[in-house]
Each structure stands twice: as structure tokens, then as C-alpha cells.
């Protein structure tokens, strides 16, 4: 698969968050909650560094603005990946 990071200019933190969401969805067939993204752990394995839910919320806004994810308003587990890394 082609690495889209150069074309969409993601920071390391944004790339890590996108990788976490992608990995979580691949393993569980649902999107992670902001709490799960903030913890950075999938099945007992740390995937990304721990963040606050506020930091995750801000990161998701930026990823959406860059056209990497789409979020439905309201509810949880509502993130759709538009690009994969």
C-alpha cells in the first residue's frame, strides 16, 4: 500500500493516531472511542503514547480537516477512514 503521509503532510502525532485507528478497526471491526485512542493500547499492547481526550479531540478535528477521516456527529465509534497509511 502506498504511504499517503507525504501527500497529506501528517505530523508524527497525526500519523500515529491514524495508525492506531486503522489498527483498531482492522482488529475489532469498529472504530475506537476517544478514550481508547487516548489510552493508546490495543489488546494489552501500547500502540501510541498516552494522550488526553482533549488532545485526541483536537487531533480528530485536524485529521478531518486534512480529509483523512470523517466523523459522524453524535454517538461513539463514528470515525470513518478516508485514507490509510
N, C-alpha and C. Protein backbone atom coordinates (compact mmCIF):
# COMPACT_ATOMS: atom_id res chain seq x y z
N UNK A 1 0.85 -1.18 0.00
CA UNK A 1 0.00 0.00 0.00
C UNK A 1 0.89 1.23 0.00
N UNK A 2 0.50 2.25 -0.68
CA UNK A 2 1.26 3.47 -0.78
C UNK A 2 1.13 4.29 0.49
N UNK A 3 2.24 4.90 0.91
CA UNK A 3 2.22 5.77 2.06
C UNK A 3 1.71 7.14 1.64
N UNK A 4 0.56 7.55 2.16
CA UNK A 4 -0.05 8.82 1.78
C UNK A 4 0.42 9.98 2.63
N UNK A 5 1.33 9.74 3.61
CA UNK A 5 1.73 10.80 4.53
C UNK A 5 2.36 11.99 3.82
N UNK A 6 3.19 11.77 2.80
CA UNK A 6 3.85 12.86 2.11
C UNK A 6 2.83 13.75 1.42
N UNK A 7 1.85 13.18 0.81
CA UNK A 7 0.85 13.95 0.07
C UNK A 7 -0.09 14.74 0.96
N UNK A 8 -0.40 14.20 2.13
CA UNK A 8 -1.34 14.90 3.01
C UNK A 8 -0.63 15.58 4.18
N UNK A 9 0.69 15.46 4.24
CA UNK A 9 1.50 16.20 5.19
C UNK A 9 1.04 16.01 6.64
N UNK A 10 1.09 14.79 7.13
CA UNK A 10 0.74 14.49 8.51
C UNK A 10 1.94 14.66 9.42
N UNK A 11 1.68 15.15 10.64
CA UNK A 11 2.73 15.18 11.65
C UNK A 11 2.90 13.76 12.19
N UNK A 12 3.93 13.54 12.96
CA UNK A 12 4.15 12.21 13.56
C UNK A 12 2.97 11.85 14.45
N UNK A 13 2.50 12.79 15.26
CA UNK A 13 1.38 12.52 16.16
C UNK A 13 0.11 12.19 15.37
N UNK A 14 -0.13 12.90 14.28
CA UNK A 14 -1.29 12.62 13.45
C UNK A 14 -1.18 11.26 12.79
N UNK A 15 0.00 10.93 12.30
CA UNK A 15 0.23 9.62 11.68
C UNK A 15 0.03 8.50 12.71
N UNK A 16 0.54 8.71 13.93
CA UNK A 16 0.38 7.71 14.99
C UNK A 16 -1.10 7.50 15.32
N UNK A 17 -1.84 8.59 15.40
CA UNK A 17 -3.27 8.49 15.71
C UNK A 17 -4.01 7.76 14.59
N UNK A 18 -3.71 8.11 13.36
CA UNK A 18 -4.34 7.44 12.22
C UNK A 18 -3.98 5.95 12.20
N UNK A 19 -2.72 5.63 12.49
CA UNK A 19 -2.30 4.23 12.55
C UNK A 19 -3.06 3.49 13.64
N UNK A 20 -3.24 4.12 14.80
CA UNK A 20 -3.99 3.49 15.89
C UNK A 20 -5.42 3.20 15.46
N UNK A 21 -6.09 4.18 14.87
CA UNK A 21 -7.48 3.99 14.43
C UNK A 21 -7.56 2.86 13.40
N UNK A 22 -6.66 2.88 12.45
CA UNK A 22 -6.63 1.85 11.40
C UNK A 22 -6.40 0.46 12.00
N UNK A 23 -5.44 0.34 12.91
CA UNK A 23 -5.13 -0.95 13.53
C UNK A 23 -6.30 -1.44 14.37
N UNK A 24 -6.91 -0.53 15.15
CA UNK A 24 -8.05 -0.89 15.99
C UNK A 24 -9.20 -1.40 15.13
N UNK A 25 -9.50 -0.68 14.05
CA UNK A 25 -10.59 -1.09 13.15
C UNK A 25 -10.30 -2.44 12.51
N UNK A 26 -9.05 -2.67 12.11
CA UNK A 26 -8.68 -3.94 11.50
C UNK A 26 -8.87 -5.10 12.47
N UNK A 27 -8.58 -4.87 13.76
CA UNK A 27 -8.68 -5.94 14.76
C UNK A 27 -10.10 -6.15 15.29
N UNK A 28 -10.87 -5.06 15.42
CA UNK A 28 -12.16 -5.14 16.10
C UNK A 28 -13.36 -4.83 15.21
N UNK A 29 -13.13 -4.44 13.98
CA UNK A 29 -14.21 -4.14 13.02
C UNK A 29 -15.12 -3.00 13.44
N UNK A 30 -14.67 -2.18 14.37
CA UNK A 30 -15.36 -0.95 14.78
C UNK A 30 -14.30 0.10 15.04
N UNK A 31 -14.71 1.35 15.00
CA UNK A 31 -13.78 2.44 15.32
C UNK A 31 -13.57 2.53 16.83
N UNK A 32 -12.39 2.98 17.25
CA UNK A 32 -12.15 3.16 18.68
C UNK A 32 -12.86 4.41 19.20
N UNK A 33 -13.15 4.41 20.49
CA UNK A 33 -13.67 5.61 21.13
C UNK A 33 -12.51 6.57 21.39
N UNK A 34 -12.81 7.81 21.71
CA UNK A 34 -11.74 8.76 22.04
C UNK A 34 -10.96 8.29 23.26
N UNK A 35 -11.64 7.66 24.21
CA UNK A 35 -10.95 7.13 25.39
C UNK A 35 -9.95 6.06 24.99
N UNK A 36 -10.34 5.17 24.10
CA UNK A 36 -9.43 4.11 23.63
C UNK A 36 -8.25 4.70 22.87
N UNK A 37 -8.50 5.72 22.04
CA UNK A 37 -7.40 6.37 21.33
C UNK A 37 -6.47 7.04 22.33
N UNK A 38 -7.05 7.72 23.34
CA UNK A 38 -6.25 8.41 24.35
C UNK A 38 -5.36 7.42 25.12
N UNK A 39 -5.88 6.24 25.43
CA UNK A 39 -5.09 5.23 26.14
C UNK A 39 -3.97 4.69 25.26
N UNK A 40 -4.23 4.54 23.96
CA UNK A 40 -3.20 4.09 23.03
C UNK A 40 -2.87 2.62 23.09
N UNK A 41 -3.76 1.82 23.68
CA UNK A 41 -3.50 0.39 23.87
C UNK A 41 -4.54 -0.43 23.13
N UNK A 42 -4.07 -1.45 22.40
CA UNK A 42 -4.96 -2.40 21.74
C UNK A 42 -4.58 -3.79 22.21
N UNK A 43 -5.55 -4.49 22.79
CA UNK A 43 -5.34 -5.86 23.27
C UNK A 43 -4.11 -5.96 24.17
N UNK A 44 -3.95 -4.98 25.06
CA UNK A 44 -2.87 -5.01 26.03
C UNK A 44 -1.51 -4.54 25.52
N UNK A 45 -1.45 -4.12 24.27
CA UNK A 45 -0.19 -3.67 23.68
C UNK A 45 -0.26 -2.18 23.40
N UNK A 46 0.72 -1.43 23.91
CA UNK A 46 0.75 0.01 23.65
C UNK A 46 1.13 0.26 22.20
N UNK A 47 0.25 0.96 21.49
CA UNK A 47 0.45 1.28 20.08
C UNK A 47 0.95 2.72 19.93
N UNK A 48 0.38 3.62 20.71
CA UNK A 48 0.79 5.02 20.69
C UNK A 48 0.94 5.51 22.12
N UNK A 49 1.56 6.66 22.26
CA UNK A 49 1.71 7.22 23.61
C UNK A 49 0.36 7.68 24.13
N UNK A 50 0.25 7.70 25.45
CA UNK A 50 -0.99 8.11 26.09
C UNK A 50 -1.21 9.60 25.87
N UNK A 51 -2.47 9.97 25.58
CA UNK A 51 -2.85 11.36 25.36
C UNK A 51 -4.11 11.67 26.16
N UNK A 52 -4.42 12.93 26.30
CA UNK A 52 -5.67 13.32 26.93
C UNK A 52 -6.80 13.21 25.90
N UNK A 53 -8.03 13.08 26.38
CA UNK A 53 -9.16 13.05 25.45
C UNK A 53 -9.29 14.37 24.71
N UNK A 54 -8.91 15.46 25.34
CA UNK A 54 -8.93 16.76 24.69
C UNK A 54 -7.94 16.79 23.52
N UNK A 55 -6.75 16.24 23.74
CA UNK A 55 -5.75 16.17 22.67
C UNK A 55 -6.25 15.30 21.52
N UNK A 56 -6.92 14.20 21.85
CA UNK A 56 -7.48 13.32 20.82
C UNK A 56 -8.57 14.05 20.04
N UNK A 57 -9.42 14.78 20.73
CA UNK A 57 -10.48 15.53 20.07
C UNK A 57 -9.89 16.54 19.09
N UNK A 58 -8.88 17.26 19.53
CA UNK A 58 -8.22 18.23 18.64
C UNK A 58 -7.56 17.54 17.46
N UNK A 59 -6.94 16.39 17.70
CA UNK A 59 -6.28 15.64 16.64
C UNK A 59 -7.31 15.17 15.61
N UNK A 60 -8.47 14.72 16.07
CA UNK A 60 -9.50 14.25 15.15
C UNK A 60 -10.03 15.39 14.29
N UNK A 61 -10.14 16.58 14.85
CA UNK A 61 -10.57 17.74 14.06
C UNK A 61 -9.56 18.01 12.95
N UNK A 62 -8.27 17.98 13.30
CA UNK A 62 -7.23 18.21 12.29
C UNK A 62 -7.22 17.13 11.22
N UNK A 63 -7.38 15.85 11.63
CA UNK A 63 -7.40 14.76 10.66
C UNK A 63 -8.60 14.88 9.73
N UNK A 64 -9.72 15.32 10.28
CA UNK A 64 -10.91 15.52 9.45
C UNK A 64 -10.68 16.68 8.46
N UNK A 65 -10.07 17.76 8.92
CA UNK A 65 -9.79 18.90 8.04
C UNK A 65 -8.84 18.51 6.91
N UNK A 66 -7.94 17.57 7.18
CA UNK A 66 -6.99 17.12 6.16
C UNK A 66 -7.59 16.07 5.24
N UNK A 67 -8.83 15.66 5.49
CA UNK A 67 -9.51 14.71 4.62
C UNK A 67 -9.08 13.28 4.81
N UNK A 68 -8.58 12.97 6.01
CA UNK A 68 -8.09 11.62 6.30
C UNK A 68 -9.16 10.77 6.97
N UNK A 69 -9.99 11.41 7.78
CA UNK A 69 -11.10 10.72 8.45
C UNK A 69 -12.37 11.55 8.30
N UNK A 70 -13.49 10.90 8.50
CA UNK A 70 -14.79 11.58 8.57
C UNK A 70 -15.43 11.13 9.88
N UNK A 71 -16.06 12.06 10.55
CA UNK A 71 -16.73 11.73 11.81
C UNK A 71 -18.20 12.08 11.72
N UNK A 72 -19.04 11.13 12.08
CA UNK A 72 -20.47 11.41 12.18
C UNK A 72 -20.70 12.13 13.51
N UNK A 73 -21.60 13.05 13.53
CA UNK A 73 -21.86 13.80 14.76
C UNK A 73 -22.72 12.99 15.70
N UNK A 74 -22.35 13.01 16.97
CA UNK A 74 -23.10 12.30 17.99
C UNK A 74 -22.70 10.84 18.06
N UNK A 75 -22.84 10.27 19.21
CA UNK A 75 -22.53 8.85 19.39
C UNK A 75 -21.04 8.58 19.49
N UNK A 76 -20.71 7.32 19.62
CA UNK A 76 -19.32 6.89 19.70
C UNK A 76 -19.03 5.94 18.56
N UNK A 77 -17.76 5.65 18.38
CA UNK A 77 -17.32 4.73 17.32
C UNK A 77 -17.84 5.18 15.95
N UNK A 78 -17.71 6.47 15.69
CA UNK A 78 -18.31 7.05 14.50
C UNK A 78 -17.27 7.59 13.51
N UNK A 79 -16.04 7.06 13.56
CA UNK A 79 -14.99 7.54 12.66
C UNK A 79 -14.87 6.64 11.45
N UNK A 80 -14.85 7.25 10.29
CA UNK A 80 -14.65 6.52 9.04
C UNK A 80 -13.28 6.92 8.47
N UNK A 81 -12.47 5.93 8.12
CA UNK A 81 -11.17 6.21 7.50
C UNK A 81 -11.38 6.53 6.04
N UNK A 82 -10.85 7.65 5.59
CA UNK A 82 -10.92 8.01 4.19
C UNK A 82 -9.61 7.69 3.47
N UNK A 83 -8.52 7.64 4.24
CA UNK A 83 -7.20 7.27 3.71
C UNK A 83 -6.52 6.38 4.71
N UNK A 84 -5.75 5.43 4.21
CA UNK A 84 -4.98 4.51 5.07
C UNK A 84 -3.51 4.78 4.91
N UNK A 85 -2.76 4.42 5.95
CA UNK A 85 -1.30 4.53 5.84
C UNK A 85 -0.71 3.15 5.83
